[in-house]
Amino acid sequence: ISLVLVLLILLFPFGSAKLHAAIVDVDASTLIPSASMFASPKNGAVLSGSTFDVSFYLDTRGSTANGIELNIKFPQDKLAIVKPAGERSLITVWVQPPSYSNTSGNASFSGVVPGGIKTSSGLITTITFKAIDGAIGSAQIRILESSKVLANDGVGTEMKASFAGA
């Protein structure tokens, strides 16, 4: 999608007004701020039955954000959430309390940062997982495309976001 900007240039040669227009194409996607959400650690080996933490971070890429919705998916046959956390977070006002379902293999976090935040690695939450007893193989924790970052621009513009799970 591109925006067409019409620049009107008034020229006054010889005392008469002439109206000229110049058309400039601007890519609208360059006007939308971007952000990314990522998990850490990205990978690791875990023994069956043991617990481990995965932290989820926000990078606002130089812009200021004030609304965050993090939705994750994990294989419920291999992992279970022991503690959804949320007590240590850049989110100061929870729109909804953190929620999860080990049956469905998902978790959601939604909140705001009054006044906004500009960060390269702001902690959204840390989740404690347990590797299911007897489960063998790899397990991917995905940040879903339904996750959102909203700009601190007074109208809640949805920032263009990228996601990297673990």
N, C-alpha and C. Protein backbone atom coordinates (compact mmCIF):
# COMPACT_ATOMS: atom_id res chain seq x y z
N ILE A 1 0.86 -1.16 0.00
CA ILE A 1 0.00 0.00 0.00
C ILE A 1 0.90 1.22 0.00
N SER A 2 0.62 2.19 -0.84
CA SER A 2 1.37 3.43 -0.78
C SER A 2 0.43 4.60 -0.63
N LEU A 3 0.93 5.60 0.00
CA LEU A 3 0.19 6.84 0.16
C LEU A 3 0.67 7.79 -0.91
N VAL A 4 -0.23 8.55 -1.45
CA VAL A 4 0.16 9.56 -2.43
C VAL A 4 0.08 10.91 -1.73
N LEU A 5 1.20 11.54 -1.68
CA LEU A 5 1.25 12.87 -1.08
C LEU A 5 1.26 13.90 -2.20
N VAL A 6 0.39 14.81 -2.12
CA VAL A 6 0.35 15.86 -3.12
C VAL A 6 0.91 17.12 -2.50
N LEU A 7 1.97 17.56 -3.04
CA LEU A 7 2.61 18.78 -2.56
C LEU A 7 2.19 19.93 -3.46
N LEU A 8 1.55 20.88 -2.89
CA LEU A 8 1.12 22.04 -3.67
C LEU A 8 2.16 23.14 -3.56
N ILE A 9 2.57 23.57 -4.67
CA ILE A 9 3.59 24.61 -4.72
C ILE A 9 2.99 25.82 -5.44
N LEU A 10 2.89 26.88 -4.72
CA LEU A 10 2.37 28.10 -5.32
C LEU A 10 3.53 28.92 -5.89
N LEU A 11 3.43 29.24 -7.13
CA LEU A 11 4.45 30.06 -7.77
C LEU A 11 3.81 31.36 -8.20
N PHE A 12 4.49 32.41 -8.02
CA PHE A 12 3.94 33.73 -8.34
C PHE A 12 4.79 34.47 -9.38
N PRO A 13 4.97 33.90 -10.56
CA PRO A 13 5.74 34.65 -11.55
C PRO A 13 4.90 35.77 -12.18
N PHE A 14 5.49 36.87 -12.38
CA PHE A 14 4.88 38.02 -13.05
C PHE A 14 3.59 38.46 -12.38
N GLY A 15 3.47 38.28 -11.09
CA GLY A 15 2.31 38.78 -10.37
C GLY A 15 1.08 37.90 -10.50
N SER A 16 1.09 36.83 -11.28
CA SER A 16 -0.09 35.97 -11.40
C SER A 16 0.20 34.65 -10.66
N ALA A 17 -0.80 34.13 -10.01
CA ALA A 17 -0.64 32.89 -9.25
C ALA A 17 -0.85 31.69 -10.16
N LYS A 18 0.06 30.74 -10.08
CA LYS A 18 -0.09 29.47 -10.81
C LYS A 18 0.00 28.36 -9.78
N LEU A 19 -0.80 27.32 -9.93
CA LEU A 19 -0.84 26.20 -9.01
C LEU A 19 -0.21 25.00 -9.70
N HIS A 20 0.80 24.43 -9.06
CA HIS A 20 1.46 23.24 -9.58
C HIS A 20 1.38 22.15 -8.52
N ALA A 21 1.28 20.91 -8.93
CA ALA A 21 1.23 19.79 -8.00
C ALA A 21 2.35 18.81 -8.33
N ALA A 22 2.96 18.29 -7.30
CA ALA A 22 3.96 17.23 -7.45
C ALA A 22 3.45 16.01 -6.69
N ILE A 23 3.56 14.83 -7.27
CA ILE A 23 3.08 13.60 -6.64
C ILE A 23 4.29 12.79 -6.20
N VAL A 24 4.27 12.39 -4.93
CA VAL A 24 5.35 11.61 -4.35
C VAL A 24 4.76 10.36 -3.74
N ASP A 25 5.30 9.17 -4.09
CA ASP A 25 4.84 7.92 -3.48
C ASP A 25 5.63 7.66 -2.20
N VAL A 26 4.89 7.32 -1.15
CA VAL A 26 5.50 6.98 0.13
C VAL A 26 4.95 5.63 0.55
N ASP A 27 5.82 4.69 0.92
CA ASP A 27 5.40 3.38 1.38
C ASP A 27 4.83 3.52 2.78
N ALA A 28 3.53 3.22 2.95
CA ALA A 28 2.85 3.38 4.25
C ALA A 28 3.46 2.51 5.32
N SER A 29 4.04 1.36 4.96
CA SER A 29 4.60 0.47 5.98
C SER A 29 5.81 1.10 6.68
N THR A 30 6.45 2.07 6.04
CA THR A 30 7.57 2.73 6.69
C THR A 30 7.10 3.71 7.75
N LEU A 31 5.83 4.08 7.73
CA LEU A 31 5.29 5.01 8.71
C LEU A 31 4.80 4.30 9.97
N ILE A 32 4.63 2.98 9.91
CA ILE A 32 4.15 2.20 11.05
C ILE A 32 5.36 1.73 11.84
N PRO A 33 5.40 2.05 13.14
CA PRO A 33 6.54 1.60 13.94
C PRO A 33 6.56 0.08 14.05
N SER A 34 7.74 -0.48 14.26
CA SER A 34 7.85 -1.94 14.37
C SER A 34 8.37 -2.34 15.74
N ALA A 35 8.15 -3.59 16.08
CA ALA A 35 8.59 -4.15 17.36
C ALA A 35 8.80 -5.64 17.17
N SER A 36 9.44 -6.26 18.15
CA SER A 36 9.55 -7.71 18.12
C SER A 36 9.39 -8.27 19.53
N MET A 37 8.88 -9.49 19.60
CA MET A 37 8.79 -10.24 20.85
C MET A 37 9.61 -11.50 20.64
N PHE A 38 10.40 -11.85 21.67
CA PHE A 38 11.25 -13.02 21.53
C PHE A 38 11.39 -13.74 22.86
N ALA A 39 11.69 -15.03 22.77
CA ALA A 39 11.84 -15.88 23.95
C ALA A 39 13.32 -16.15 24.20
N SER A 40 13.64 -16.38 25.47
CA SER A 40 15.00 -16.73 25.84
C SER A 40 14.96 -17.70 27.02
N PRO A 41 15.72 -18.78 26.99
CA PRO A 41 16.67 -19.13 25.95
C PRO A 41 15.96 -19.64 24.70
N LYS A 42 16.64 -19.56 23.58
CA LYS A 42 16.06 -20.02 22.31
C LYS A 42 16.00 -21.54 22.24
N ASN A 43 16.93 -22.22 22.90
CA ASN A 43 16.92 -23.69 22.90
C ASN A 43 17.69 -24.20 24.11
N GLY A 44 17.55 -25.49 24.35
CA GLY A 44 18.25 -26.11 25.46
C GLY A 44 17.79 -27.54 25.65
N ALA A 45 18.56 -28.29 26.41
CA ALA A 45 18.22 -29.68 26.72
C ALA A 45 17.64 -29.71 28.13
N VAL A 46 16.53 -30.47 28.28
CA VAL A 46 15.83 -30.55 29.55
C VAL A 46 15.55 -32.02 29.84
N LEU A 47 15.78 -32.43 31.08
CA LEU A 47 15.47 -33.80 31.47
C LEU A 47 13.98 -33.97 31.71
N SER A 48 13.46 -35.12 31.36
CA SER A 48 12.06 -35.45 31.59
C SER A 48 11.74 -35.27 33.08
N GLY A 49 10.65 -34.56 33.38
CA GLY A 49 10.23 -34.34 34.76
C GLY A 49 10.82 -33.11 35.41
N SER A 50 11.78 -32.45 34.76
CA SER A 50 12.40 -31.27 35.37
C SER A 50 11.68 -29.99 34.96
N THR A 51 11.94 -28.91 35.70
CA THR A 51 11.35 -27.61 35.39
C THR A 51 12.42 -26.69 34.82
N PHE A 52 11.98 -25.70 34.06
CA PHE A 52 12.88 -24.71 33.46
C PHE A 52 12.09 -23.44 33.19
N ASP A 53 12.78 -22.33 33.10
CA ASP A 53 12.16 -21.04 32.84
C ASP A 53 12.40 -20.59 31.42
N VAL A 54 11.37 -19.96 30.83
CA VAL A 54 11.50 -19.29 29.54
C VAL A 54 11.00 -17.87 29.75
N SER A 55 11.83 -16.90 29.40
CA SER A 55 11.45 -15.48 29.52
C SER A 55 11.06 -14.95 28.15
N PHE A 56 10.10 -14.03 28.15
CA PHE A 56 9.61 -13.41 26.92
C PHE A 56 9.89 -11.91 27.00
N TYR A 57 10.49 -11.39 25.95
CA TYR A 57 10.95 -10.00 25.93
C TYR A 57 10.33 -9.21 24.79
N LEU A 58 10.37 -7.88 24.96
CA LEU A 58 9.89 -6.94 23.96
C LEU A 58 11.03 -6.05 23.51
N ASP A 59 11.16 -5.86 22.20
CA ASP A 59 12.09 -4.88 21.62
C ASP A 59 11.23 -3.91 20.81
N THR A 60 11.19 -2.66 21.22
CA THR A 60 10.34 -1.67 20.53
C THR A 60 11.07 -1.01 19.36
N ARG A 61 12.29 -1.41 19.11
CA ARG A 61 13.08 -0.94 17.97
C ARG A 61 13.10 0.58 17.87
N GLY A 62 13.31 1.23 19.00
CA GLY A 62 13.46 2.68 19.01
C GLY A 62 12.16 3.46 19.13
N SER A 63 11.02 2.79 19.01
CA SER A 63 9.73 3.45 19.16
C SER A 63 9.25 3.27 20.61
N THR A 64 8.15 3.91 20.94
CA THR A 64 7.58 3.77 22.27
C THR A 64 6.26 3.01 22.18
N ALA A 65 6.12 1.98 23.01
CA ALA A 65 4.91 1.15 23.03
C ALA A 65 4.25 1.28 24.39
N ASN A 66 2.92 1.07 24.43
CA ASN A 66 2.25 1.07 25.74
C ASN A 66 1.23 -0.05 25.90
N GLY A 67 0.98 -0.85 24.89
CA GLY A 67 0.05 -1.96 25.00
C GLY A 67 0.68 -3.23 24.47
N ILE A 68 0.50 -4.34 25.20
CA ILE A 68 1.13 -5.60 24.81
C ILE A 68 0.13 -6.73 25.01
N GLU A 69 0.02 -7.57 24.00
CA GLU A 69 -0.75 -8.81 24.11
C GLU A 69 0.16 -9.93 23.64
N LEU A 70 0.52 -10.82 24.56
CA LEU A 70 1.40 -11.95 24.25
C LEU A 70 0.59 -13.22 24.33
N ASN A 71 0.53 -13.97 23.23
CA ASN A 71 -0.16 -15.25 23.18
C ASN A 71 0.84 -16.31 22.76
N ILE A 72 0.96 -17.36 23.56
CA ILE A 72 1.91 -18.42 23.23
C ILE A 72 1.21 -19.77 23.12
N LYS A 73 1.87 -20.69 22.41
CA LYS A 73 1.39 -22.05 22.22
C LYS A 73 2.54 -22.99 22.49
N PHE A 74 2.26 -24.09 23.20
CA PHE A 74 3.27 -25.09 23.50
C PHE A 74 2.64 -26.48 23.39
N PRO A 75 3.45 -27.52 23.13
CA PRO A 75 2.89 -28.87 22.99
C PRO A 75 2.50 -29.43 24.38
N GLN A 76 1.22 -29.56 24.60
CA GLN A 76 0.71 -30.00 25.91
C GLN A 76 1.05 -31.45 26.23
N ASP A 77 1.47 -32.23 25.24
CA ASP A 77 1.88 -33.61 25.51
C ASP A 77 3.33 -33.70 25.99
N LYS A 78 4.08 -32.56 25.89
CA LYS A 78 5.49 -32.56 26.30
C LYS A 78 5.80 -31.56 27.40
N LEU A 79 5.00 -30.50 27.48
CA LEU A 79 5.26 -29.44 28.45
C LEU A 79 3.99 -29.07 29.22
N ALA A 80 4.18 -28.57 30.43
CA ALA A 80 3.09 -28.03 31.24
C ALA A 80 3.60 -26.79 31.95
N ILE A 81 2.74 -25.79 32.08
CA ILE A 81 3.11 -24.60 32.83
C ILE A 81 2.91 -24.88 34.32
N VAL A 82 3.97 -24.61 35.09
CA VAL A 82 3.92 -24.78 36.53
C VAL A 82 3.57 -23.43 37.17
N LYS A 83 4.14 -22.36 36.62
CA LYS A 83 3.91 -21.02 37.15
C LYS A 83 3.89 -20.04 35.98
N PRO A 84 2.74 -19.37 35.75
CA PRO A 84 2.67 -18.45 34.62
C PRO A 84 3.39 -17.13 34.85
N ALA A 85 3.75 -16.83 36.10
CA ALA A 85 4.48 -15.61 36.46
C ALA A 85 3.70 -14.35 36.10
N GLY A 86 4.41 -13.27 35.86
CA GLY A 86 3.78 -11.99 35.60
C GLY A 86 4.13 -10.98 36.67
N GLU A 87 4.64 -11.45 37.83
CA GLU A 87 4.97 -10.49 38.89
C GLU A 87 6.17 -9.62 38.54
N ARG A 88 7.12 -10.11 37.78
CA ARG A 88 8.23 -9.29 37.26
C ARG A 88 7.94 -9.06 35.79
N SER A 89 7.54 -7.83 35.47
CA SER A 89 7.14 -7.53 34.11
C SER A 89 7.19 -6.04 33.84
N LEU A 90 7.43 -5.66 32.59
CA LEU A 90 7.33 -4.26 32.22
C LEU A 90 5.87 -3.81 32.21
N ILE A 91 4.94 -4.76 32.13
CA ILE A 91 3.52 -4.44 32.18
C ILE A 91 3.16 -4.07 33.62
N THR A 92 2.61 -2.88 33.80
CA THR A 92 2.26 -2.44 35.15
C THR A 92 0.77 -2.51 35.43
N VAL A 93 -0.04 -2.54 34.37
CA VAL A 93 -1.49 -2.68 34.53
C VAL A 93 -1.95 -3.83 33.64
N TRP A 94 -2.44 -4.90 34.28
CA TRP A 94 -2.92 -6.06 33.51
C TRP A 94 -4.35 -5.81 33.06
N VAL A 95 -4.59 -5.83 31.74
CA VAL A 95 -5.94 -5.70 31.19
C VAL A 95 -6.72 -6.96 31.55
N GLN A 96 -6.06 -8.09 31.46
CA GLN A 96 -6.59 -9.37 31.91
C GLN A 96 -5.47 -10.03 32.71
N PRO A 97 -5.80 -10.71 33.80
CA PRO A 97 -4.74 -11.42 34.52
C PRO A 97 -4.12 -12.48 33.60
N PRO A 98 -2.82 -12.75 33.77
CA PRO A 98 -2.20 -13.81 32.97
C PRO A 98 -3.00 -15.11 33.11
N SER A 99 -3.22 -15.79 32.00
CA SER A 99 -3.99 -17.03 32.03
C SER A 99 -3.30 -18.08 31.18
N TYR A 100 -3.58 -19.35 31.51
CA TYR A 100 -3.00 -20.45 30.74
C TYR A 100 -3.88 -21.69 30.85
N SER A 101 -3.66 -22.62 29.90
CA SER A 101 -4.34 -23.90 29.92
C SER A 101 -3.34 -24.97 29.51
N ASN A 102 -3.02 -25.87 30.44
CA ASN A 102 -2.13 -26.99 30.09
C ASN A 102 -2.86 -27.99 29.21
N THR A 103 -4.18 -28.02 29.28
CA THR A 103 -4.97 -28.91 28.42
C THR A 103 -4.89 -28.48 26.97
N SER A 104 -5.00 -27.17 26.72
CA SER A 104 -4.95 -26.63 25.35
C SER A 104 -3.54 -26.31 24.89
N GLY A 105 -2.62 -26.14 25.84
CA GLY A 105 -1.25 -25.79 25.49
C GLY A 105 -1.10 -24.34 25.08
N ASN A 106 -1.73 -23.43 25.83
CA ASN A 106 -1.59 -22.01 25.49
C ASN A 106 -1.55 -21.14 26.73
N ALA A 107 -1.08 -19.91 26.55
CA ALA A 107 -1.04 -18.92 27.61
C ALA A 107 -1.21 -17.54 27.00
N SER A 108 -1.80 -16.62 27.78
CA SER A 108 -2.05 -15.26 27.30
C SER A 108 -1.70 -14.24 28.38
N PHE A 109 -1.11 -13.15 27.94
CA PHE A 109 -0.76 -12.02 28.80
C PHE A 109 -1.16 -10.76 28.08
N SER A 110 -1.88 -9.86 28.75
CA SER A 110 -2.37 -8.65 28.10
C SER A 110 -2.35 -7.50 29.10
N GLY A 111 -1.64 -6.43 28.75
CA GLY A 111 -1.57 -5.31 29.66
C GLY A 111 -1.02 -4.06 29.02
N VAL A 112 -0.89 -3.02 29.85
CA VAL A 112 -0.42 -1.73 29.37
C VAL A 112 0.70 -1.20 30.26
N VAL A 113 1.45 -0.28 29.67
CA VAL A 113 2.50 0.44 30.38
C VAL A 113 2.12 1.91 30.29
N PRO A 114 1.49 2.47 31.33
CA PRO A 114 1.10 3.89 31.27
C PRO A 114 2.32 4.77 30.98
N GLY A 115 2.17 5.68 30.04
CA GLY A 115 3.27 6.54 29.65
C GLY A 115 4.18 5.93 28.60
N GLY A 116 4.04 4.62 28.37
CA GLY A 116 4.81 3.93 27.34
C GLY A 116 6.20 3.53 27.78
N ILE A 117 6.83 2.73 26.92
CA ILE A 117 8.19 2.25 27.18
C ILE A 117 8.93 2.12 25.85
N LYS A 118 10.21 2.48 25.90
CA LYS A 118 11.11 2.28 24.77
C LYS A 118 12.19 1.35 25.30
N THR A 119 12.33 0.15 24.72
CA THR A 119 13.26 -0.85 25.25
C THR A 119 13.76 -1.76 24.15
N SER A 120 14.94 -2.33 24.37
CA SER A 120 15.45 -3.32 23.43
C SER A 120 15.30 -4.74 23.99
N SER A 121 15.07 -4.86 25.30
CA SER A 121 14.87 -6.18 25.90
C SER A 121 14.08 -6.05 27.21
N GLY A 122 12.86 -5.55 27.09
CA GLY A 122 11.98 -5.39 28.24
C GLY A 122 11.30 -6.71 28.57
N LEU A 123 11.39 -7.13 29.82
CA LEU A 123 10.80 -8.41 30.24
C LEU A 123 9.28 -8.31 30.29
N ILE A 124 8.61 -9.13 29.47
CA ILE A 124 7.14 -9.21 29.52
C ILE A 124 6.74 -10.17 30.63
N THR A 125 7.34 -11.35 30.64
CA THR A 125 7.06 -12.35 31.67
C THR A 125 8.08 -13.47 31.61
N THR A 126 8.17 -14.22 32.69
CA THR A 126 8.94 -15.46 32.73
C THR A 126 7.99 -16.57 33.14
N ILE A 127 7.97 -17.63 32.36
CA ILE A 127 7.08 -18.76 32.62
C ILE A 127 7.92 -19.97 33.03
N THR A 128 7.50 -20.63 34.11
CA THR A 128 8.16 -21.87 34.51
C THR A 128 7.39 -23.04 33.90
N PHE A 129 8.09 -23.84 33.10
CA PHE A 129 7.53 -25.02 32.46
C PHE A 129 8.06 -26.27 33.13
N LYS A 130 7.33 -27.36 32.98
CA LYS A 130 7.80 -28.67 33.41
C LYS A 130 7.77 -29.59 32.19
N ALA A 131 8.86 -30.31 31.98
CA ALA A 131 8.89 -31.33 30.93
C ALA A 131 8.09 -32.52 31.47
N ILE A 132 7.06 -32.92 30.74
CA ILE A 132 6.17 -34.01 31.17
C ILE A 132 7.00 -35.29 31.37
N ASP A 133 6.75 -35.98 32.48
CA ASP A 133 7.44 -37.25 32.75
C ASP A 133 7.24 -38.21 31.58
N GLY A 134 8.33 -38.75 31.09
CA GLY A 134 8.27 -39.73 30.00
C GLY A 134 8.22 -39.12 28.61
N ALA A 135 8.02 -37.81 28.50
CA ALA A 135 7.97 -37.17 27.18
C ALA A 135 9.38 -37.10 26.59
N ILE A 136 9.49 -37.49 25.33
CA ILE A 136 10.79 -37.50 24.65
C ILE A 136 10.66 -36.73 23.34
N GLY A 137 11.69 -36.00 22.98
CA GLY A 137 11.69 -35.27 21.71
C GLY A 137 11.73 -33.77 21.92
N SER A 138 11.63 -33.06 20.81
CA SER A 138 11.71 -31.60 20.89
C SER A 138 10.32 -31.00 21.11
N ALA A 139 10.32 -29.83 21.72
CA ALA A 139 9.08 -29.12 22.00
C ALA A 139 9.28 -27.65 21.66
N GLN A 140 8.45 -27.13 20.79
CA GLN A 140 8.57 -25.75 20.36
C GLN A 140 7.56 -24.88 21.11
N ILE A 141 8.03 -23.77 21.65
CA ILE A 141 7.16 -22.79 22.29
C ILE A 141 7.06 -21.62 21.31
N ARG A 142 5.86 -21.40 20.78
CA ARG A 142 5.66 -20.39 19.73
C ARG A 142 4.94 -19.16 20.28
N ILE A 143 5.37 -17.99 19.81
CA ILE A 143 4.62 -16.77 20.05
C ILE A 143 3.68 -16.64 18.85
N LEU A 144 2.38 -16.62 19.13
CA LEU A 144 1.39 -16.63 18.06
C LEU A 144 1.26 -15.28 17.37
N GLU A 145 0.86 -15.33 16.09
CA GLU A 145 0.66 -14.11 15.29
C GLU A 145 -0.45 -13.22 15.85
N SER A 146 -1.30 -13.76 16.72
CA SER A 146 -2.37 -12.96 17.34
C SER A 146 -1.80 -12.03 18.43
N SER A 147 -0.51 -12.18 18.76
CA SER A 147 0.13 -11.29 19.71
C SER A 147 0.23 -9.89 19.10
N LYS A 148 0.21 -8.86 19.96
CA LYS A 148 0.21 -7.48 19.46
C LYS A 148 1.05 -6.58 20.34
N VAL A 149 1.58 -5.54 19.70
CA VAL A 149 2.24 -4.45 20.41
C VAL A 149 1.58 -3.17 19.90
N LEU A 150 1.13 -2.32 20.83
CA LEU A 150 0.47 -1.08 20.46
C LEU A 150 1.38 0.11 20.74
N ALA A 151 1.41 1.03 19.80
CA ALA A 151 2.25 2.22 19.93
C ALA A 151 1.67 3.19 20.95
N ASN A 152 2.54 3.92 21.59
CA ASN A 152 2.14 4.95 22.54
C ASN A 152 1.94 6.26 21.77
N ASP A 153 0.95 6.25 20.88
CA ASP A 153 0.72 7.39 20.01
C ASP A 153 -0.64 8.07 20.24
N GLY A 154 -1.31 7.68 21.29
CA GLY A 154 -2.60 8.29 21.62
C GLY A 154 -3.79 7.61 20.97
N VAL A 155 -3.54 6.77 19.97
CA VAL A 155 -4.65 6.07 19.30
C VAL A 155 -4.46 4.55 19.30
N GLY A 156 -3.36 4.07 19.87
CA GLY A 156 -3.14 2.63 19.97
C GLY A 156 -2.87 1.96 18.64
N THR A 157 -2.09 2.58 17.78
CA THR A 157 -1.74 2.00 16.49
C THR A 157 -1.02 0.67 16.71
N GLU A 158 -1.48 -0.36 16.01
CA GLU A 158 -0.82 -1.66 16.13
C GLU A 158 0.51 -1.61 15.39
N MET A 159 1.58 -1.88 16.12
CA MET A 159 2.92 -1.86 15.54
C MET A 159 3.13 -3.13 14.71
N LYS A 160 3.93 -3.00 13.67
CA LYS A 160 4.28 -4.16 12.85
C LYS A 160 5.23 -5.00 13.69
N ALA A 161 4.84 -6.24 14.00
CA ALA A 161 5.63 -7.04 14.94
C ALA A 161 6.15 -8.32 14.31
N SER A 162 7.31 -8.75 14.82
CA SER A 162 7.86 -10.05 14.48
C SER A 162 8.01 -10.85 15.77
N PHE A 163 8.02 -12.17 15.64
CA PHE A 163 7.99 -13.04 16.81
C PHE A 163 9.02 -14.16 16.67
N ALA A 164 9.72 -14.47 17.77
CA ALA A 164 10.67 -15.57 17.78
C ALA A 164 10.49 -16.36 19.07
N GLY A 165 10.06 -17.60 18.94
CA GLY A 165 9.81 -18.46 20.09
C GLY A 165 11.06 -19.20 20.54
N ALA A 166 10.82 -20.33 21.22
CA ALA A 166 11.94 -21.12 21.76
C ALA A 166 11.72 -22.59 21.45
